[in-house]
């Protein structure tokens, strides 16, 4: 059964072709609808942005230290949180790193890990831009 709310076009402020592939804003819209609170996704995005640098550093630190259990936990946390806020590129990389770690494929893990900081930076820019646009749009709506 089709849901007209989920099939409706995204508000214009959520669409930015520059972040295609990095960010899926419809995930955040769906989340707001699912929990019945349209502001919830923006609070989650703010928290995600606050925690992202530490999550990336934790992955790098634990892999570098050879603590596979802690690295796996850090990658799982990064993957799940990236998925929750609609970041397919970051989530996919975390999933790939997680699989390489679990199979003991360090020959591919270490070069793939080099992509994490840049991928996280793209995610941070995309979410930051979206949060600014959403906040600006909501502020202009409340002034009407």
C-alpha atoms as a PDB file:
ATOM      1  CA  UNK A   1       0.000   0.000   0.000  1.00  0.00           C
ATOM      2  CA  UNK A   2       1.380   3.430  -0.965  1.00  0.00           C
ATOM      3  CA  UNK A   3       1.701   6.103   1.682  1.00  0.00           C
ATOM      4  CA  UNK A   4       0.992   9.550   0.183  1.00  0.00           C
ATOM      5  CA  UNK A   5       3.153  11.226   2.829  1.00  0.00           C
ATOM      6  CA  UNK A   6       6.144   9.066   1.973  1.00  0.00           C
ATOM      7  CA  UNK A   7       5.517   9.413  -1.763  1.00  0.00           C
ATOM      8  CA  UNK A   8       5.253  13.212  -1.600  1.00  0.00           C
ATOM      9  CA  UNK A   9       8.157  15.179  -3.052  1.00  0.00           C
ATOM     10  CA  UNK A  10      10.802  16.326  -0.612  1.00  0.00           C
ATOM     11  CA  UNK A  11      10.672  19.965   0.451  1.00  0.00           C
ATOM     12  CA  UNK A  12      12.988  22.024  -1.766  1.00  0.00           C
ATOM     13  CA  UNK A  13      15.331  22.917   1.100  1.00  0.00           C
ATOM     14  CA  UNK A  14      16.156  19.221   1.554  1.00  0.00           C
ATOM     15  CA  UNK A  15      17.298  18.689  -2.022  1.00  0.00           C
ATOM     16  CA  UNK A  16      20.911  19.483  -2.911  1.00  0.00           C
ATOM     17  CA  UNK A  17      22.348  17.656  -5.930  1.00  0.00           C
ATOM     18  CA  UNK A  18      25.856  18.474  -4.694  1.00  0.00           C
ATOM     19  CA  UNK A  19      25.377  15.896  -1.939  1.00  0.00           C
ATOM     20  CA  UNK A  20      23.818  13.129  -4.057  1.00  0.00           C
ATOM     21  CA  UNK A  21      25.186   9.749  -3.040  1.00  0.00           C
ATOM     22  CA  UNK A  22      26.488  11.156   0.236  1.00  0.00           C
ATOM     23  CA  UNK A  23      23.165  12.085   1.826  1.00  0.00           C
ATOM     24  CA  UNK A  24      19.633  10.715   1.491  1.00  0.00           C
ATOM     25  CA  UNK A  25      17.450  13.379   3.145  1.00  0.00           C
ATOM     26  CA  UNK A  26      14.326  11.280   2.654  1.00  0.00           C
ATOM     27  CA  UNK A  27      15.622   9.040   5.456  1.00  0.00           C
ATOM     28  CA  UNK A  28      15.330  11.972   7.862  1.00  0.00           C
ATOM     29  CA  UNK A  29      11.869  12.913   6.597  1.00  0.00           C
ATOM     30  CA  UNK A  30      10.713   9.318   7.057  1.00  0.00           C
ATOM     31  CA  UNK A  31      12.231   9.210  10.547  1.00  0.00           C
ATOM     32  CA  UNK A  32      10.375  12.371  11.578  1.00  0.00           C
ATOM     33  CA  UNK A  33       7.125  10.919  10.291  1.00  0.00           C
ATOM     34  CA  UNK A  34       7.735   7.537  11.919  1.00  0.00           C
ATOM     35  CA  UNK A  35       8.318   9.011  15.377  1.00  0.00           C
ATOM     36  CA  UNK A  36       5.634  11.670  14.950  1.00  0.00           C
ATOM     37  CA  UNK A  37       8.046  14.512  15.646  1.00  0.00           C
ATOM     38  CA  UNK A  38       9.331  16.495  12.657  1.00  0.00           C
ATOM     39  CA  UNK A  39      12.023  18.122  14.835  1.00  0.00           C
ATOM     40  CA  UNK A  40      13.494  14.827  16.050  1.00  0.00           C
ATOM     41  CA  UNK A  41      15.657  14.183  12.968  1.00  0.00           C
ATOM     42  CA  UNK A  42      17.335  17.575  13.325  1.00  0.00           C
ATOM     43  CA  UNK A  43      18.203  16.880  16.963  1.00  0.00           C
ATOM     44  CA  UNK A  44      19.599  13.505  15.876  1.00  0.00           C
ATOM     45  CA  UNK A  45      21.626  15.160  13.096  1.00  0.00           C
ATOM     46  CA  UNK A  46      23.053  17.644  15.598  1.00  0.00           C
ATOM     47  CA  UNK A  47      24.077  14.828  17.926  1.00  0.00           C
ATOM     48  CA  UNK A  48      25.525  12.813  15.037  1.00  0.00           C
ATOM     49  CA  UNK A  49      27.631  15.791  13.918  1.00  0.00           C
ATOM     50  CA  UNK A  50      28.848  16.313  17.470  1.00  0.00           C
ATOM     51  CA  UNK A  51      29.902  12.662  17.836  1.00  0.00           C
ATOM     52  CA  UNK A  52      31.241  12.007  14.313  1.00  0.00           C
ATOM     53  CA  UNK A  53      34.850  13.173  14.801  1.00  0.00           C
ATOM     54  CA  UNK A  54      35.210  11.006  17.906  1.00  0.00           C
ATOM     55  CA  UNK A  55      33.690   8.003  16.157  1.00  0.00           C
ATOM     56  CA  UNK A  56      36.113   8.317  13.240  1.00  0.00           C
ATOM     57  CA  UNK A  57      39.082   8.753  15.580  1.00  0.00           C
ATOM     58  CA  UNK A  58      37.996   5.732  17.588  1.00  0.00           C
ATOM     59  CA  UNK A  59      37.869   3.544  14.459  1.00  0.00           C
ATOM     60  CA  UNK A  60      41.318   4.724  13.354  1.00  0.00           C
ATOM     61  CA  UNK A  61      42.776   4.286  16.848  1.00  0.00           C
ATOM     62  CA  UNK A  62      41.371   0.793  17.457  1.00  0.00           C
ATOM     63  CA  UNK A  63      42.349  -0.542  14.025  1.00  0.00           C
ATOM     64  CA  UNK A  64      45.823   0.948  14.433  1.00  0.00           C
ATOM     65  CA  UNK A  65      46.148  -0.611  17.895  1.00  0.00           C
ATOM     66  CA  UNK A  66      45.097  -3.995  16.521  1.00  0.00           C
ATOM     67  CA  UNK A  67      42.156  -4.252  18.916  1.00  0.00           C
ATOM     68  CA  UNK A  68      39.774  -5.988  16.536  1.00  0.00           C
ATOM     69  CA  UNK A  69      36.914  -6.284  19.030  1.00  0.00           C
ATOM     70  CA  UNK A  70      37.004  -2.570  19.861  1.00  0.00           C
ATOM     71  CA  UNK A  71      37.451  -1.671  16.179  1.00  0.00           C
ATOM     72  CA  UNK A  72      34.460  -3.831  15.268  1.00  0.00           C
ATOM     73  CA  UNK A  73      32.362  -2.109  17.938  1.00  0.00           C
ATOM     74  CA  UNK A  74      33.487   1.324  16.689  1.00  0.00           C
ATOM     75  CA  UNK A  75      32.680   0.432  13.077  1.00  0.00           C
ATOM     76  CA  UNK A  76      29.274  -0.946  14.034  1.00  0.00           C
ATOM     77  CA  UNK A  77      28.474   2.281  15.888  1.00  0.00           C
ATOM     78  CA  UNK A  78      29.576   4.379  12.920  1.00  0.00           C
ATOM     79  CA  UNK A  79      27.667   2.234  10.411  1.00  0.00           C
ATOM     80  CA  UNK A  80      24.397   2.213  12.360  1.00  0.00           C
ATOM     81  CA  UNK A  81      24.450   5.914  13.161  1.00  0.00           C
ATOM     82  CA  UNK A  82      25.346   6.857   9.561  1.00  0.00           C
ATOM     83  CA  UNK A  83      22.472   4.710   8.311  1.00  0.00           C
ATOM     84  CA  UNK A  84      20.061   6.331  10.785  1.00  0.00           C
ATOM     85  CA  UNK A  85      20.784   9.841   9.473  1.00  0.00           C
ATOM     86  CA  UNK A  86      20.800   8.903   5.788  1.00  0.00           C
ATOM     87  CA  UNK A  87      24.493   8.748   4.908  1.00  0.00           C
ATOM     88  CA  UNK A  88      24.824   5.811   2.491  1.00  0.00           C
ATOM     89  CA  UNK A  89      28.413   6.505   1.436  1.00  0.00           C
ATOM     90  CA  UNK A  90      29.700   6.565   5.017  1.00  0.00           C
ATOM     91  CA  UNK A  91      27.540   3.630   6.061  1.00  0.00           C
ATOM     92  CA  UNK A  92      28.724   1.580   3.089  1.00  0.00           C
ATOM     93  CA  UNK A  93      32.377   2.293   3.842  1.00  0.00           C
ATOM     94  CA  UNK A  94      31.884   1.375   7.505  1.00  0.00           C
ATOM     95  CA  UNK A  95      30.186  -1.866   6.417  1.00  0.00           C
ATOM     96  CA  UNK A  96      33.071  -2.666   4.044  1.00  0.00           C
ATOM     97  CA  UNK A  97      35.655  -1.948   6.750  1.00  0.00           C
ATOM     98  CA  UNK A  98      33.688  -4.065   9.201  1.00  0.00           C
ATOM     99  CA  UNK A  99      33.661  -7.000   6.758  1.00  0.00           C
ATOM    100  CA  UNK A 100      37.383  -6.668   6.021  1.00  0.00           C
ATOM    101  CA  UNK A 101      38.139  -6.556   9.740  1.00  0.00           C
ATOM    102  CA  UNK A 102      35.970  -9.572  10.526  1.00  0.00           C
ATOM    103  CA  UNK A 103      37.571 -11.644   7.759  1.00  0.00           C
ATOM    104  CA  UNK A 104      41.059 -10.628   8.871  1.00  0.00           C
ATOM    105  CA  UNK A 105      41.846  -9.038   5.513  1.00  0.00           C
ATOM    106  CA  UNK A 106      44.300  -6.412   6.750  1.00  0.00           C
ATOM    107  CA  UNK A 107      45.885  -6.101   3.289  1.00  0.00           C
ATOM    108  CA  UNK A 108      42.665  -4.456   2.053  1.00  0.00           C
ATOM    109  CA  UNK A 109      41.513  -3.023   5.385  1.00  0.00           C
ATOM    110  CA  UNK A 110      44.351  -0.563   5.869  1.00  0.00           C
ATOM    111  CA  UNK A 111      44.145   1.066   2.403  1.00  0.00           C
ATOM    112  CA  UNK A 112      40.332   1.168   2.639  1.00  0.00           C
ATOM    113  CA  UNK A 113      40.637   2.803   6.057  1.00  0.00           C
ATOM    114  CA  UNK A 114      42.501   5.699   4.429  1.00  0.00           C
ATOM    115  CA  UNK A 115      39.209   6.754   2.806  1.00  0.00           C
ATOM    116  CA  UNK A 116      37.403   7.127   6.141  1.00  0.00           C
ATOM    117  CA  UNK A 117      38.428  10.694   7.088  1.00  0.00           C
ATOM    118  CA  UNK A 118      37.507  12.133   3.663  1.00  0.00           C
ATOM    119  CA  UNK A 119      34.250  10.172   3.514  1.00  0.00           C
ATOM    120  CA  UNK A 120      33.326  11.370   7.002  1.00  0.00           C
ATOM    121  CA  UNK A 121      34.209  14.945   6.024  1.00  0.00           C
ATOM    122  CA  UNK A 122      31.861  14.778   3.010  1.00  0.00           C
ATOM    123  CA  UNK A 123      29.121  13.452   5.284  1.00  0.00           C
ATOM    124  CA  UNK A 124      29.751  16.218   7.797  1.00  0.00           C
ATOM    125  CA  UNK A 125      29.534  18.916   5.112  1.00  0.00           C
ATOM    126  CA  UNK A 126      26.359  17.432   3.598  1.00  0.00           C
ATOM    127  CA  UNK A 127      24.592  17.102   6.955  1.00  0.00           C
ATOM    128  CA  UNK A 128      25.784  20.517   8.118  1.00  0.00           C
ATOM    129  CA  UNK A 129      24.460  22.130   4.940  1.00  0.00           C
ATOM    130  CA  UNK A 130      21.161  20.299   5.297  1.00  0.00           C
ATOM    131  CA  UNK A 131      20.817  21.273   8.954  1.00  0.00           C
ATOM    132  CA  UNK A 132      21.463  24.944   8.119  1.00  0.00           C
ATOM    133  CA  UNK A 133      18.896  24.875   5.302  1.00  0.00           C
ATOM    134  CA  UNK A 134      16.330  23.086   7.472  1.00  0.00           C
ATOM    135  CA  UNK A 135      16.852  25.483  10.365  1.00  0.00           C
ATOM    136  CA  UNK A 136      16.632  28.480   8.048  1.00  0.00           C
ATOM    137  CA  UNK A 137      13.472  27.160   6.382  1.00  0.00           C
ATOM    138  CA  UNK A 138      11.800  26.391   9.716  1.00  0.00           C
ATOM    139  CA  UNK A 139      12.707  29.847  11.042  1.00  0.00           C
ATOM    140  CA  UNK A 140      11.204  31.543   7.990  1.00  0.00           C
ATOM    141  CA  UNK A 141       8.026  29.453   8.314  1.00  0.00           C
ATOM    142  CA  UNK A 142       7.606  30.423  11.975  1.00  0.00           C
ATOM    143  CA  UNK A 143       7.839  34.141  11.093  1.00  0.00           C
ATOM    144  CA  UNK A 144       4.863  33.885   8.754  1.00  0.00           C
END
